[in-house]
Amino acid sequence: MTVNLTEASFETSVEKGIVLIDWWAPWCGPCRAFAPIYDRLAAQHPDITFAKINTDEQQSLAASFQIRAIPTLMAFKDGVLVFEQPGVMPALALGQLVEKLRKLDMADVKKKLAEHDKGHAASA
């Protein structure tokens, strides 16, 4: 099952666990082609949030994430954006992404982000 996200529900929806987001629009042919692949994988992984954001209805949210192409797939884990890719993703690649997200060590990711932020603060 997929959930529709809005600007109001976005923050609370991505703060815990794994959340995949399909940025799409109703007029987009590739988006319509990707939808059944995305929905099938959502049914196979009920412990993961599979969300959709209609860029026509959520223009300010799309702008804040600088969505320039649709579909775009994003993945958040524990509130951190860990993956972003425009274009249709084949079912096999999407399944592999889910497995990588499950194995992703967020303590290590957050440590690297802190080191990166520290490096930028020192050079500013």
PDB file of N, CA and C in Angstrom:
ATOM      1  N   MET A   1       0.831  -1.187   0.000  1.00  0.00           N
ATOM      2  CA  MET A   1       0.000   0.000   0.000  1.00  0.00           C
ATOM      3  C   MET A   1       0.878   1.254   0.000  1.00  0.00           C
ATOM      4  N   THR A   2       0.471   2.244  -0.754  1.00  0.00           N
ATOM      5  CA  THR A   2       1.201   3.503  -0.775  1.00  0.00           C
ATOM      6  C   THR A   2       0.376   4.577  -0.077  1.00  0.00           C
ATOM      7  N   VAL A   3       1.080   5.585   0.442  1.00  0.00           N
ATOM      8  CA  VAL A   3       0.414   6.705   1.097  1.00  0.00           C
ATOM      9  C   VAL A   3       0.743   7.978   0.334  1.00  0.00           C
ATOM     10  N   ASN A   4      -0.194   8.902   0.311  1.00  0.00           N
ATOM     11  CA  ASN A   4       0.036  10.198  -0.325  1.00  0.00           C
ATOM     12  C   ASN A   4       0.552  11.176   0.717  1.00  0.00           C
ATOM     13  N   LEU A   5       1.671  11.814   0.410  1.00  0.00           N
ATOM     14  CA  LEU A   5       2.234  12.803   1.318  1.00  0.00           C
ATOM     15  C   LEU A   5       1.906  14.203   0.834  1.00  0.00           C
ATOM     16  N   THR A   6       1.783  15.087   1.809  1.00  0.00           N
ATOM     17  CA  THR A   6       1.576  16.510   1.536  1.00  0.00           C
ATOM     18  C   THR A   6       2.613  17.283   2.328  1.00  0.00           C
ATOM     19  N   GLU A   7       2.633  18.575   2.116  1.00  0.00           N
ATOM     20  CA  GLU A   7       3.554  19.421   2.880  1.00  0.00           C
ATOM     21  C   GLU A   7       3.288  19.272   4.382  1.00  0.00           C
ATOM     22  N   ALA A   8       2.016  19.138   4.753  1.00  0.00           N
ATOM     23  CA  ALA A   8       1.648  19.022   6.168  1.00  0.00           C
ATOM     24  C   ALA A   8       2.077  17.700   6.790  1.00  0.00           C
ATOM     25  N   SER A   9       2.087  16.622   6.012  1.00  0.00           N
ATOM     26  CA  SER A   9       2.402  15.301   6.576  1.00  0.00           C
ATOM     27  C   SER A   9       3.837  14.853   6.335  1.00  0.00           C
ATOM     28  N   PHE A  10       4.591  15.610   5.552  1.00  0.00           N
ATOM     29  CA  PHE A  10       5.918  15.166   5.118  1.00  0.00           C
ATOM     30  C   PHE A  10       6.873  14.896   6.284  1.00  0.00           C
ATOM     31  N   GLU A  11       7.122  15.898   7.118  1.00  0.00           N
ATOM     32  CA  GLU A  11       8.134  15.786   8.176  1.00  0.00           C
ATOM     33  C   GLU A  11       7.888  14.594   9.100  1.00  0.00           C
ATOM     34  N   THR A  12       6.661  14.451   9.581  1.00  0.00           N
ATOM     35  CA  THR A  12       6.373  13.355  10.508  1.00  0.00           C
ATOM     36  C   THR A  12       6.424  12.002   9.804  1.00  0.00           C
ATOM     37  N   SER A  13       6.216  11.982   8.501  1.00  0.00           N
ATOM     38  CA  SER A  13       6.219  10.720   7.762  1.00  0.00           C
ATOM     39  C   SER A  13       7.619  10.176   7.512  1.00  0.00           C
ATOM     40  N   VAL A  14       8.620  11.036   7.400  1.00  0.00           N
ATOM     41  CA  VAL A  14       9.970  10.566   7.059  1.00  0.00           C
ATOM     42  C   VAL A  14      10.898  10.426   8.258  1.00  0.00           C
ATOM     43  N   GLU A  15      10.436  10.785   9.452  1.00  0.00           N
ATOM     44  CA  GLU A  15      11.371  10.831  10.583  1.00  0.00           C
ATOM     45  C   GLU A  15      11.770   9.466  11.148  1.00  0.00           C
ATOM     46  N   LYS A  16      10.997   8.418  10.915  1.00  0.00           N
ATOM     47  CA  LYS A  16      11.321   7.099  11.461  1.00  0.00           C
ATOM     48  C   LYS A  16      11.244   6.015  10.396  1.00  0.00           C
ATOM     49  N   GLY A  17      12.195   5.090  10.463  1.00  0.00           N
ATOM     50  CA  GLY A  17      12.180   3.942   9.557  1.00  0.00           C
ATOM     51  C   GLY A  17      12.597   4.298   8.149  1.00  0.00           C
ATOM     52  N   ILE A  18      12.257   3.396   7.226  1.00  0.00           N
ATOM     53  CA  ILE A  18      12.584   3.567   5.805  1.00  0.00           C
ATOM     54  C   ILE A  18      11.346   4.106   5.088  1.00  0.00           C
ATOM     55  N   VAL A  19      11.552   5.184   4.347  1.00  0.00           N
ATOM     56  CA  VAL A  19      10.458   5.793   3.591  1.00  0.00           C
ATOM     57  C   VAL A  19      10.946   6.038   2.162  1.00  0.00           C
ATOM     58  N   LEU A  20      10.279   5.401   1.213  1.00  0.00           N
ATOM     59  CA  LEU A  20      10.546   5.654  -0.196  1.00  0.00           C
ATOM     60  C   LEU A  20       9.489   6.633  -0.690  1.00  0.00           C
ATOM     61  N   ILE A  21       9.917   7.588  -1.503  1.00  0.00           N
ATOM     62  CA  ILE A  21       8.986   8.589  -2.029  1.00  0.00           C
ATOM     63  C   ILE A  21       9.094   8.638  -3.545  1.00  0.00           C
ATOM     64  N   ASP A  22       7.942   8.468  -4.188  1.00  0.00           N
ATOM     65  CA  ASP A  22       7.823   8.595  -5.631  1.00  0.00           C
ATOM     66  C   ASP A  22       7.222   9.969  -5.920  1.00  0.00           C
ATOM     67  N   TRP A  23       8.033  10.872  -6.472  1.00  0.00           N
ATOM     68  CA  TRP A  23       7.556  12.186  -6.902  1.00  0.00           C
ATOM     69  C   TRP A  23       7.012  12.004  -8.314  1.00  0.00           C
ATOM     70  N   TRP A  24       5.754  12.359  -8.550  1.00  0.00           N
ATOM     71  CA  TRP A  24       5.097  12.059  -9.808  1.00  0.00           C
ATOM     72  C   TRP A  24       4.078  13.141 -10.169  1.00  0.00           C
ATOM     73  N   ALA A  25       3.492  13.005 -11.352  1.00  0.00           N
ATOM     74  CA  ALA A  25       2.384  13.867 -11.777  1.00  0.00           C
ATOM     75  C   ALA A  25       1.459  13.035 -12.655  1.00  0.00           C
ATOM     76  N   PRO A  26       0.165  13.335 -12.625  1.00  0.00           N
ATOM     77  CA  PRO A  26      -0.812  12.530 -13.376  1.00  0.00           C
ATOM     78  C   PRO A  26      -0.597  12.539 -14.894  1.00  0.00           C
ATOM     79  N   TRP A  27      -0.040  13.605 -15.436  1.00  0.00           N
ATOM     80  CA  TRP A  27       0.148  13.731 -16.880  1.00  0.00           C
ATOM     81  C   TRP A  27       1.430  13.056 -17.381  1.00  0.00           C
ATOM     82  N   CYS A  28       2.243  12.535 -16.467  1.00  0.00           N
ATOM     83  CA  CYS A  28       3.570  11.997 -16.788  1.00  0.00           C
ATOM     84  C   CYS A  28       3.476  10.516 -17.174  1.00  0.00           C
ATOM     85  N   GLY A  29       3.743  10.215 -18.442  1.00  0.00           N
ATOM     86  CA  GLY A  29       3.703   8.831 -18.927  1.00  0.00           C
ATOM     87  C   GLY A  29       4.643   7.896 -18.187  1.00  0.00           C
ATOM     88  N   PRO A  30       5.934   8.257 -18.032  1.00  0.00           N
ATOM     89  CA  PRO A  30       6.839   7.389 -17.282  1.00  0.00           C
ATOM     90  C   PRO A  30       6.382   7.171 -15.826  1.00  0.00           C
ATOM     91  N   CYS A  31       5.752   8.185 -15.241  1.00  0.00           N
ATOM     92  CA  CYS A  31       5.239   8.045 -13.873  1.00  0.00           C
ATOM     93  C   CYS A  31       4.147   6.974 -13.827  1.00  0.00           C
ATOM     94  N   ARG A  32       3.270   7.004 -14.822  1.00  0.00           N
ATOM     95  CA  ARG A  32       2.187   6.010 -14.883  1.00  0.00           C
ATOM     96  C   ARG A  32       2.755   4.616 -15.128  1.00  0.00           C
ATOM     97  N   ALA A  33       3.834   4.517 -15.894  1.00  0.00           N
ATOM     98  CA  ALA A  33       4.469   3.215 -16.151  1.00  0.00           C
ATOM     99  C   ALA A  33       5.146   2.678 -14.890  1.00  0.00           C
ATOM    100  N   PHE A  34       5.696   3.571 -14.072  1.00  0.00           N
ATOM    101  CA  PHE A  34       6.409   3.174 -12.861  1.00  0.00           C
ATOM    102  C   PHE A  34       5.458   2.795 -11.724  1.00  0.00           C
ATOM    103  N   ALA A  35       4.261   3.354 -11.713  1.00  0.00           N
ATOM    104  CA  ALA A  35       3.317   3.159 -10.601  1.00  0.00           C
ATOM    105  C   ALA A  35       3.048   1.686 -10.270  1.00  0.00           C
ATOM    106  N   PRO A  36       2.785   0.805 -11.240  1.00  0.00           N
ATOM    107  CA  PRO A  36       2.517  -0.590 -10.877  1.00  0.00           C
ATOM    108  C   PRO A  36       3.737  -1.303 -10.273  1.00  0.00           C
ATOM    109  N   ILE A  37       4.929  -0.951 -10.749  1.00  0.00           N
ATOM    110  CA  ILE A  37       6.171  -1.519 -10.195  1.00  0.00           C
ATOM    111  C   ILE A  37       6.287  -1.109  -8.733  1.00  0.00           C
ATOM    112  N   TYR A  38       6.092   0.158  -8.477  1.00  0.00           N
ATOM    113  CA  TYR A  38       6.188   0.729  -7.125  1.00  0.00           C
ATOM    114  C   TYR A  38       5.129   0.113  -6.205  1.00  0.00           C
ATOM    115  N   ASP A  39       3.902   0.014  -6.699  1.00  0.00           N
ATOM    116  CA  ASP A  39       2.809  -0.555  -5.905  1.00  0.00           C
ATOM    117  C   ASP A  39       3.053  -2.025  -5.580  1.00  0.00           C
ATOM    118  N   ARG A  40       3.590  -2.789  -6.531  1.00  0.00           N
ATOM    119  CA  ARG A  40       3.893  -4.202  -6.299  1.00  0.00           C
ATOM    120  C   ARG A  40       4.929  -4.366  -5.191  1.00  0.00           C
ATOM    121  N   LEU A  41       5.983  -3.550  -5.258  1.00  0.00           N
ATOM    122  CA  LEU A  41       7.026  -3.640  -4.238  1.00  0.00           C
ATOM    123  C   LEU A  41       6.497  -3.196  -2.879  1.00  0.00           C
ATOM    124  N   ALA A  42       5.627  -2.203  -2.861  1.00  0.00           N
ATOM    125  CA  ALA A  42       5.015  -1.749  -1.604  1.00  0.00           C
ATOM    126  C   ALA A  42       4.248  -2.902  -0.949  1.00  0.00           C
ATOM    127  N   ALA A  43       3.543  -3.692  -1.750  1.00  0.00           N
ATOM    128  CA  ALA A  43       2.777  -4.824  -1.218  1.00  0.00           C
ATOM    129  C   ALA A  43       3.701  -5.899  -0.654  1.00  0.00           C
ATOM    130  N   GLN A  44       4.897  -6.021  -1.214  1.00  0.00           N
ATOM    131  CA  GLN A  44       5.854  -7.038  -0.771  1.00  0.00           C
ATOM    132  C   GLN A  44       6.611  -6.625   0.493  1.00  0.00           C
ATOM    133  N   HIS A  45       6.611  -5.331   0.827  1.00  0.00           N
ATOM    134  CA  HIS A  45       7.386  -4.818   1.961  1.00  0.00           C
ATOM    135  C   HIS A  45       6.500  -3.938   2.840  1.00  0.00           C
ATOM    136  N   PRO A  46       5.551  -4.528   3.562  1.00  0.00           N
ATOM    137  CA  PRO A  46       4.616  -3.726   4.362  1.00  0.00           C
ATOM    138  C   PRO A  46       5.269  -2.991   5.537  1.00  0.00           C
ATOM    139  N   ASP A  47       6.499  -3.359   5.884  1.00  0.00           N
ATOM    140  CA  ASP A  47       7.197  -2.693   6.983  1.00  0.00           C
ATOM    141  C   ASP A  47       7.873  -1.397   6.554  1.00  0.00           C
ATOM    142  N   ILE A  48       7.865  -1.117   5.257  1.00  0.00           N
ATOM    143  CA  ILE A  48       8.479   0.097   4.712  1.00  0.00           C
ATOM    144  C   ILE A  48       7.357   1.011   4.234  1.00  0.00           C
ATOM    145  N   THR A  49       7.528   2.319   4.444  1.00  0.00           N
ATOM    146  CA  THR A  49       6.539   3.278   3.952  1.00  0.00           C
ATOM    147  C   THR A  49       6.849   3.609   2.501  1.00  0.00           C
ATOM    148  N   PHE A  50       5.911   3.322   1.625  1.00  0.00           N
ATOM    149  CA  PHE A  50       6.004   3.695   0.220  1.00  0.00           C
ATOM    150  C   PHE A  50       5.053   4.864   0.025  1.00  0.00           C
ATOM    151  N   ALA A  51       5.607   6.026  -0.239  1.00  0.00           N
ATOM    152  CA  ALA A  51       4.811   7.246  -0.334  1.00  0.00           C
ATOM    153  C   ALA A  51       4.869   7.807  -1.748  1.00  0.00           C
ATOM    154  N   LYS A  52       3.861   8.614  -2.068  1.00  0.00           N
ATOM    155  CA  LYS A  52       3.797   9.292  -3.355  1.00  0.00           C
ATOM    156  C   LYS A  52       3.515  10.768  -3.090  1.00  0.00           C
ATOM    157  N   ILE A  53       4.160  11.609  -3.888  1.00  0.00           N
ATOM    158  CA  ILE A  53       3.897  13.045  -3.818  1.00  0.00           C
ATOM    159  C   ILE A  53       3.564  13.527  -5.219  1.00  0.00           C
ATOM    160  N   ASN A  54       2.348  14.015  -5.370  1.00  0.00           N
ATOM    161  CA  ASN A  54       1.889  14.574  -6.640  1.00  0.00           C
ATOM    162  C   ASN A  54       2.486  15.978  -6.756  1.00  0.00           C
ATOM    163  N   THR A  55       3.414  16.143  -7.683  1.00  0.00           N
ATOM    164  CA  THR A  55       4.122  17.431  -7.810  1.00  0.00           C
ATOM    165  C   THR A  55       3.208  18.559  -8.279  1.00  0.00           C
ATOM    166  N   ASP A  56       2.117  18.223  -8.970  1.00  0.00           N
ATOM    167  CA  ASP A  56       1.157  19.259  -9.375  1.00  0.00           C
ATOM    168  C   ASP A  56       0.426  19.816  -8.160  1.00  0.00           C
ATOM    169  N   GLU A  57       0.083  18.947  -7.218  1.00  0.00           N
ATOM    170  CA  GLU A  57      -0.659  19.371  -6.030  1.00  0.00           C
ATOM    171  C   GLU A  57       0.246  19.895  -4.918  1.00  0.00           C
ATOM    172  N   GLN A  58       1.501  19.483  -4.916  1.00  0.00           N
ATOM    173  CA  GLN A  58       2.444  19.858  -3.852  1.00  0.00           C
ATOM    174  C   GLN A  58       3.634  20.607  -4.451  1.00  0.00           C
ATOM    175  N   GLN A  59       3.326  21.697  -5.154  1.00  0.00           N
ATOM    176  CA  GLN A  59       4.372  22.424  -5.887  1.00  0.00           C
ATOM    177  C   GLN A  59       5.434  23.028  -4.976  1.00  0.00           C
ATOM    178  N   SER A  60       5.046  23.552  -3.823  1.00  0.00           N
ATOM    179  CA  SER A  60       6.050  24.169  -2.945  1.00  0.00           C
ATOM    180  C   SER A  60       6.955  23.104  -2.328  1.00  0.00           C
ATOM    181  N   LEU A  61       6.409  21.944  -2.028  1.00  0.00           N
ATOM    182  CA  LEU A  61       7.221  20.844  -1.498  1.00  0.00           C
ATOM    183  C   LEU A  61       8.196  20.345  -2.567  1.00  0.00           C
ATOM    184  N   ALA A  62       7.704  20.198  -3.786  1.00  0.00           N
ATOM    185  CA  ALA A  62       8.574  19.791  -4.891  1.00  0.00           C
ATOM    186  C   ALA A  62       9.676  20.821  -5.122  1.00  0.00           C
ATOM    187  N   ALA A  63       9.342  22.083  -5.026  1.00  0.00           N
ATOM    188  CA  ALA A  63      10.345  23.140  -5.209  1.00  0.00           C
ATOM    189  C   ALA A  63      11.386  23.103  -4.094  1.00  0.00           C
ATOM    190  N   SER A  64      10.944  22.840  -2.868  1.00  0.00           N
ATOM    191  CA  SER A  64      11.898  22.825  -1.751  1.00  0.00           C
ATOM    192  C   SER A  64      12.893  21.675  -1.880  1.00  0.00           C
ATOM    193  N   PHE A  65      12.511  20.594  -2.577  1.00  0.00           N
ATOM    194  CA  PHE A  65      13.428  19.483  -2.816  1.00  0.00           C
ATOM    195  C   PHE A  65      14.064  19.549  -4.200  1.00  0.00           C
ATOM    196  N   GLN A  66      13.840  20.653  -4.899  1.00  0.00           N
ATOM    197  CA  GLN A  66      14.420  20.903  -6.220  1.00  0.00           C
ATOM    198  C   GLN A  66      14.153  19.758  -7.192  1.00  0.00           C
ATOM    199  N   ILE A  67      12.899  19.311  -7.231  1.00  0.00           N
ATOM    200  CA  ILE A  67      12.513  18.254  -8.159  1.00  0.00           C
ATOM    201  C   ILE A  67      12.468  18.855  -9.561  1.00  0.00           C
ATOM    202  N   ARG A  68      13.337  18.373 -10.423  1.00  0.00           N
ATOM    203  CA  ARG A  68      13.434  18.910 -11.781  1.00  0.00           C
ATOM    204  C   ARG A  68      12.977  17.905 -12.831  1.00  0.00           C
ATOM    205  N   ALA A  69      12.843  16.634 -12.433  1.00  0.00           N
ATOM    206  CA  ALA A  69      12.421  15.586 -13.361  1.00  0.00           C
ATOM    207  C   ALA A  69      11.506  14.632 -12.606  1.00  0.00           C
ATOM    208  N   ILE A  70      10.514  14.137 -13.318  1.00  0.00           N
ATOM    209  CA  ILE A  70       9.637  13.144 -12.701  1.00  0.00           C
ATOM    210  C   ILE A  70       9.513  11.960 -13.653  1.00  0.00           C
ATOM    211  N   PRO A  71       9.383  10.762 -13.125  1.00  0.00           N
ATOM    212  CA  PRO A  71       9.402  10.492 -11.692  1.00  0.00           C
ATOM    213  C   PRO A  71      10.808  10.680 -11.104  1.00  0.00           C
ATOM    214  N   THR A  72      10.852  11.013  -9.831  1.00  0.00           N
ATOM    215  CA  THR A  72      12.080  10.996  -9.042  1.00  0.00           C
ATOM    216  C   THR A  72      11.790  10.139  -7.827  1.00  0.00           C
ATOM    217  N   LEU A  73      12.734   9.274  -7.514  1.00  0.00           N
ATOM    218  CA  LEU A  73      12.600   8.418  -6.342  1.00  0.00           C
ATOM    219  C   LEU A  73      13.576   8.895  -5.278  1.00  0.00           C
ATOM    220  N   MET A  74      13.073   9.051  -4.058  1.00  0.00           N
ATOM    221  CA  MET A  74      13.914   9.406  -2.914  1.00  0.00           C
ATOM    222  C   MET A  74      13.719   8.355  -1.838  1.00  0.00           C
ATOM    223  N   ALA A  75      14.768   8.184  -1.035  1.00  0.00           N
ATOM    224  CA  ALA A  75      14.668   7.287   0.114  1.00  0.00           C
ATOM    225  C   ALA A  75      15.198   8.012   1.342  1.00  0.00           C
ATOM    226  N   PHE A  76      14.413   7.947   2.401  1.00  0.00           N
ATOM    227  CA  PHE A  76      14.811   8.478   3.698  1.00  0.00           C
ATOM    228  C   PHE A  76      14.929   7.306   4.657  1.00  0.00           C
ATOM    229  N   LYS A  77      15.902   7.382   5.541  1.00  0.00           N
ATOM    230  CA  LYS A  77      15.998   6.406   6.627  1.00  0.00           C
ATOM    231  C   LYS A  77      16.238   7.196   7.900  1.00  0.00           C
ATOM    232  N   ASP A  78      15.347   7.008   8.851  1.00  0.00           N
ATOM    233  CA  ASP A  78      15.417   7.718  10.129  1.00  0.00           C
ATOM    234  C   ASP A  78      15.568   9.225   9.946  1.00  0.00           C
ATOM    235  N   GLY A  79      14.825   9.766   8.989  1.00  0.00           N
ATOM    236  CA  GLY A  79      14.793  11.204   8.775  1.00  0.00           C
ATOM    237  C   GLY A  79      15.898  11.773   7.908  1.00  0.00           C
ATOM    238  N   VAL A  80      16.801  10.928   7.416  1.00  0.00           N
ATOM    239  CA  VAL A  80      17.932  11.391   6.613  1.00  0.00           C
ATOM    240  C   VAL A  80      17.726  10.960   5.159  1.00  0.00           C
ATOM    241  N   LEU A  81      17.854  11.897   4.238  1.00  0.00           N
ATOM    242  CA  LEU A  81      17.787  11.573   2.812  1.00  0.00           C
ATOM    243  C   LEU A  81      19.046  10.791   2.451  1.00  0.00           C
ATOM    244  N   VAL A  82      18.874   9.536   2.025  1.00  0.00           N
ATOM    245  CA  VAL A  82      20.017   8.677   1.741  1.00  0.00           C
ATOM    246  C   VAL A  82      20.098   8.244   0.276  1.00  0.00           C
ATOM    247  N   PHE A  83      19.073   8.577  -0.519  1.00  0.00           N
ATOM    248  CA  PHE A  83      19.069   8.176  -1.925  1.00  0.00           C
ATOM    249  C   PHE A  83      18.152   9.106  -2.703  1.00  0.00           C
ATOM    250  N   GLU A  84      18.575   9.445  -3.911  1.00  0.00           N
ATOM    251  CA  GLU A  84      17.743  10.253  -4.812  1.00  0.00           C
ATOM    252  C   GLU A  84      18.134   9.936  -6.240  1.00  0.00           C
ATOM    253  N   GLN A  85      17.124   9.626  -7.074  1.00  0.00           N
ATOM    254  CA  GLN A  85      17.408   9.326  -8.476  1.00  0.00           C
ATOM    255  C   GLN A  85      16.197   9.643  -9.342  1.00  0.00           C
ATOM    256  N   PRO A  86      16.389  10.467 -10.381  1.00  0.00           N
ATOM    257  CA  PRO A  86      15.284  10.707 -11.317  1.00  0.00           C
ATOM    258  C   PRO A  86      15.156   9.541 -12.288  1.00  0.00           C
ATOM    259  N   GLY A  87      13.968   9.387 -12.855  1.00  0.00           N
ATOM    260  CA  GLY A  87      13.737   8.367 -13.867  1.00  0.00           C
ATOM    261  C   GLY A  87      13.056   7.133 -13.315  1.00  0.00           C
ATOM    262  N   VAL A  88      12.578   6.308 -14.228  1.00  0.00           N
ATOM    263  CA  VAL A  88      11.912   5.062 -13.862  1.00  0.00           C
ATOM    264  C   VAL A  88      12.966   4.057 -13.412  1.00  0.00           C
ATOM    265  N   MET A  89      12.719   3.421 -12.285  1.00  0.00           N
ATOM    266  CA  MET A  89      13.635   2.414 -11.775  1.00  0.00           C
ATOM    267  C   MET A  89      13.017   1.035 -12.036  1.00  0.00           C
ATOM    268  N   PRO A  90      13.761   0.130 -12.679  1.00  0.00           N
ATOM    269  CA  PRO A  90      13.236  -1.212 -12.904  1.00  0.00           C
ATOM    270  C   PRO A  90      12.961  -1.935 -11.582  1.00  0.00           C
ATOM    271  N   ALA A  91      12.055  -2.905 -11.622  1.00  0.00           N
ATOM    272  CA  ALA A  91      11.644  -3.628 -10.413  1.00  0.00           C
ATOM    273  C   ALA A  91      12.835  -4.261  -9.690  1.00  0.00           C
ATOM    274  N   LEU A  92      13.753  -4.877 -10.436  1.00  0.00           N
ATOM    275  CA  LEU A  92      14.904  -5.534  -9.817  1.00  0.00           C
ATOM    276  C   LEU A  92      15.767  -4.517  -9.065  1.00  0.00           C
ATOM    277  N   ALA A  93      16.034  -3.381  -9.690  1.00  0.00           N
ATOM    278  CA  ALA A  93      16.851  -2.339  -9.059  1.00  0.00           C
ATOM    279  C   ALA A  93      16.152  -1.775  -7.823  1.00  0.00           C
ATOM    280  N   LEU A  94      14.842  -1.612  -7.903  1.00  0.00           N
ATOM    281  CA  LEU A  94      14.086  -1.103  -6.760  1.00  0.00           C
ATOM    282  C   LEU A  94      14.145  -2.094  -5.601  1.00  0.00           C
ATOM    283  N   GLY A  95      14.035  -3.368  -5.890  1.00  0.00           N
ATOM    284  CA  GLY A  95      14.162  -4.400  -4.857  1.00  0.00           C
ATOM    285  C   GLY A  95      15.544  -4.401  -4.226  1.00  0.00           C
ATOM    286  N   GLN A  96      16.579  -4.220  -5.043  1.00  0.00           N
ATOM    287  CA  GLN A  96      17.952  -4.159  -4.528  1.00  0.00           C
ATOM    288  C   GLN A  96      18.143  -2.928  -3.650  1.00  0.00           C
ATOM    289  N   LEU A  97      17.529  -1.812  -4.033  1.00  0.00           N
ATOM    290  CA  LEU A  97      17.601  -0.600  -3.226  1.00  0.00           C
ATOM    291  C   LEU A  97      16.995  -0.844  -1.844  1.00  0.00           C
ATOM    292  N   VAL A  98      15.851  -1.511  -1.801  1.00  0.00           N
ATOM    293  CA  VAL A  98      15.198  -1.801  -0.523  1.00  0.00           C
ATOM    294  C   VAL A  98      16.133  -2.613   0.377  1.00  0.00           C
ATOM    295  N   GLU A  99      16.792  -3.621  -0.194  1.00  0.00           N
ATOM    296  CA  GLU A  99      17.705  -4.448   0.617  1.00  0.00           C
ATOM    297  C   GLU A  99      18.897  -3.627   1.115  1.00  0.00           C
ATOM    298  N   LYS A 100      19.436  -2.748   0.289  1.00  0.00           N
ATOM    299  CA  LYS A 100      20.547  -1.879   0.711  1.00  0.00           C
ATOM    300  C   LYS A 100      20.096  -0.937   1.830  1.00  0.00           C
ATOM    301  N   LEU A 101      18.885  -0.414   1.710  1.00  0.00           N
ATOM    302  CA  LEU A 101      18.363   0.481   2.744  1.00  0.00           C
ATOM    303  C   LEU A 101      18.207  -0.254   4.068  1.00  0.00           C
ATOM    304  N   ARG A 102      17.760  -1.505   4.012  1.00  0.00           N
ATOM    305  CA  ARG A 102      17.610  -2.295   5.240  1.00  0.00           C
ATOM    306  C   ARG A 102      18.952  -2.470   5.951  1.00  0.00           C
ATOM    307  N   LYS A 103      20.022  -2.643   5.174  1.00  0.00           N
ATOM    308  CA  LYS A 103      21.352  -2.911   5.739  1.00  0.00           C
ATOM    309  C   LYS A 103      22.120  -1.638   6.106  1.00  0.00           C
ATOM    310  N   LEU A 104      21.644  -0.494   5.670  1.00  0.00           N
ATOM    311  CA  LEU A 104      22.358   0.762   5.858  1.00  0.00           C
ATOM    312  C   LEU A 104      22.511   1.087   7.343  1.00  0.00           C
ATOM    313  N   ASP A 105      23.743   1.285   7.764  1.00  0.00           N
ATOM    314  CA  ASP A 105      24.063   1.597   9.164  1.00  0.00           C
ATOM    315  C   ASP A 105      23.912   3.106   9.375  1.00  0.00           C
ATOM    316  N   MET A 106      22.812   3.493  10.010  1.00  0.00           N
ATOM    317  CA  MET A 106      22.535   4.921  10.165  1.00  0.00           C
ATOM    318  C   MET A 106      23.484   5.593  11.152  1.00  0.00           C
ATOM    319  N   ALA A 107      24.029   4.868  12.106  1.00  0.00           N
ATOM    320  CA  ALA A 107      25.014   5.468  13.015  1.00  0.00           C
ATOM    321  C   ALA A 107      26.225   5.915  12.211  1.00  0.00           C
ATOM    322  N   ASP A 108      26.650   5.093  11.256  1.00  0.00           N
ATOM    323  CA  ASP A 108      27.785   5.435  10.405  1.00  0.00           C
ATOM    324  C   ASP A 108      27.440   6.615   9.492  1.00  0.00           C
ATOM    325  N   VAL A 109      26.239   6.609   8.924  1.00  0.00           N
ATOM    326  CA  VAL A 109      25.805   7.701   8.047  1.00  0.00           C
ATOM    327  C   VAL A 109      25.783   9.019   8.826  1.00  0.00           C
ATOM    328  N   LYS A 110      25.205   9.003  10.019  1.00  0.00           N
ATOM    329  CA  LYS A 110      25.115  10.233  10.817  1.00  0.00           C
ATOM    330  C   LYS A 110      26.493  10.722  11.245  1.00  0.00           C
ATOM    331  N   LYS A 111      27.411   9.796  11.527  1.00  0.00           N
ATOM    332  CA  LYS A 111      28.786  10.166  11.873  1.00  0.00           C
ATOM    333  C   LYS A 111      29.455  10.873  10.687  1.00  0.00           C
ATOM    334  N   LYS A 112      29.287  10.304   9.493  1.00  0.00           N
ATOM    335  CA  LYS A 112      29.883  10.903   8.292  1.00  0.00           C
ATOM    336  C   LYS A 112      29.266  12.272   7.998  1.00  0.00           C
ATOM    337  N   LEU A 113      27.961  12.410   8.208  1.00  0.00           N
ATOM    338  CA  LEU A 113      27.307  13.711   8.011  1.00  0.00           C
ATOM    339  C   LEU A 113      27.850  14.749   8.989  1.00  0.00           C
ATOM    340  N   ALA A 114      28.050  14.342  10.235  1.00  0.00           N
ATOM    341  CA  ALA A 114      28.589  15.262  11.247  1.00  0.00           C
ATOM    342  C   ALA A 114      30.007  15.689  10.877  1.00  0.00           C
ATOM    343  N   GLU A 115      30.820  14.743  10.403  1.00  0.00           N
ATOM    344  CA  GLU A 115      32.191  15.072   9.982  1.00  0.00           C
ATOM    345  C   GLU A 115      32.165  16.012   8.780  1.00  0.00           C
ATOM    346  N   HIS A 116      31.266  15.762   7.847  1.00  0.00           N
ATOM    347  CA  HIS A 116      31.128  16.608   6.667  1.00  0.00           C
ATOM    348  C   HIS A 116      30.719  18.014   7.065  1.00  0.00           C
ATOM    349  N   ASP A 117      29.732  18.126   7.963  1.00  0.00           N
ATOM    350  CA  ASP A 117      29.272  19.434   8.436  1.00  0.00           C
ATOM    351  C   ASP A 117      30.381  20.180   9.171  1.00  0.00           C
ATOM    352  N   LYS A 118      31.164  19.456   9.972  1.00  0.00           N
ATOM    353  CA  LYS A 118      32.271  20.066  10.717  1.00  0.00           C
ATOM    354  C   LYS A 118      33.308  20.631   9.747  1.00  0.00           C
ATOM    355  N   GLY A 119      33.596  19.876   8.678  1.00  0.00           N
ATOM    356  CA  GLY A 119      34.558  20.320   7.671  1.00  0.00           C
ATOM    357  C   GLY A 119      34.105  21.580   6.956  1.00  0.00           C
ATOM    358  N   HIS A 120      32.809  21.663   6.679  1.00  0.00           N
ATOM    359  CA  HIS A 120      32.279  22.863   6.018  1.00  0.00           C
ATOM    360  C   HIS A 120      32.273  24.058   6.973  1.00  0.00           C
ATOM    361  N   ALA A 121      32.022  23.831   8.246  1.00  0.00           N
ATOM    362  CA  ALA A 121      32.004  24.918   9.219  1.00  0.00           C
ATOM    363  C   ALA A 121      33.402  25.495   9.393  1.00  0.00           C
ATOM    364  N   ALA A 122      34.412  24.626   9.355  1.00  0.00           N
ATOM    365  CA  ALA A 122      35.794  25.073   9.520  1.00  0.00           C
ATOM    366  C   ALA A 122      36.255  25.898   8.328  1.00  0.00           C
ATOM    367  N   SER A 123      35.756  25.585   7.130  1.00  0.00           N
ATOM    368  CA  SER A 123      36.202  26.304   5.936  1.00  0.00           C
ATOM    369  C   SER A 123      35.376  27.561   5.681  1.00  0.00           C
ATOM    370  N   ALA A 124      34.331  27.775   6.432  1.00  0.00           N
ATOM    371  CA  ALA A 124      33.463  28.931   6.204  1.00  0.00           C
ATOM    372  C   ALA A 124      34.030  30.194   6.797  1.00  0.00           C
TER     373      ALA A 124
END
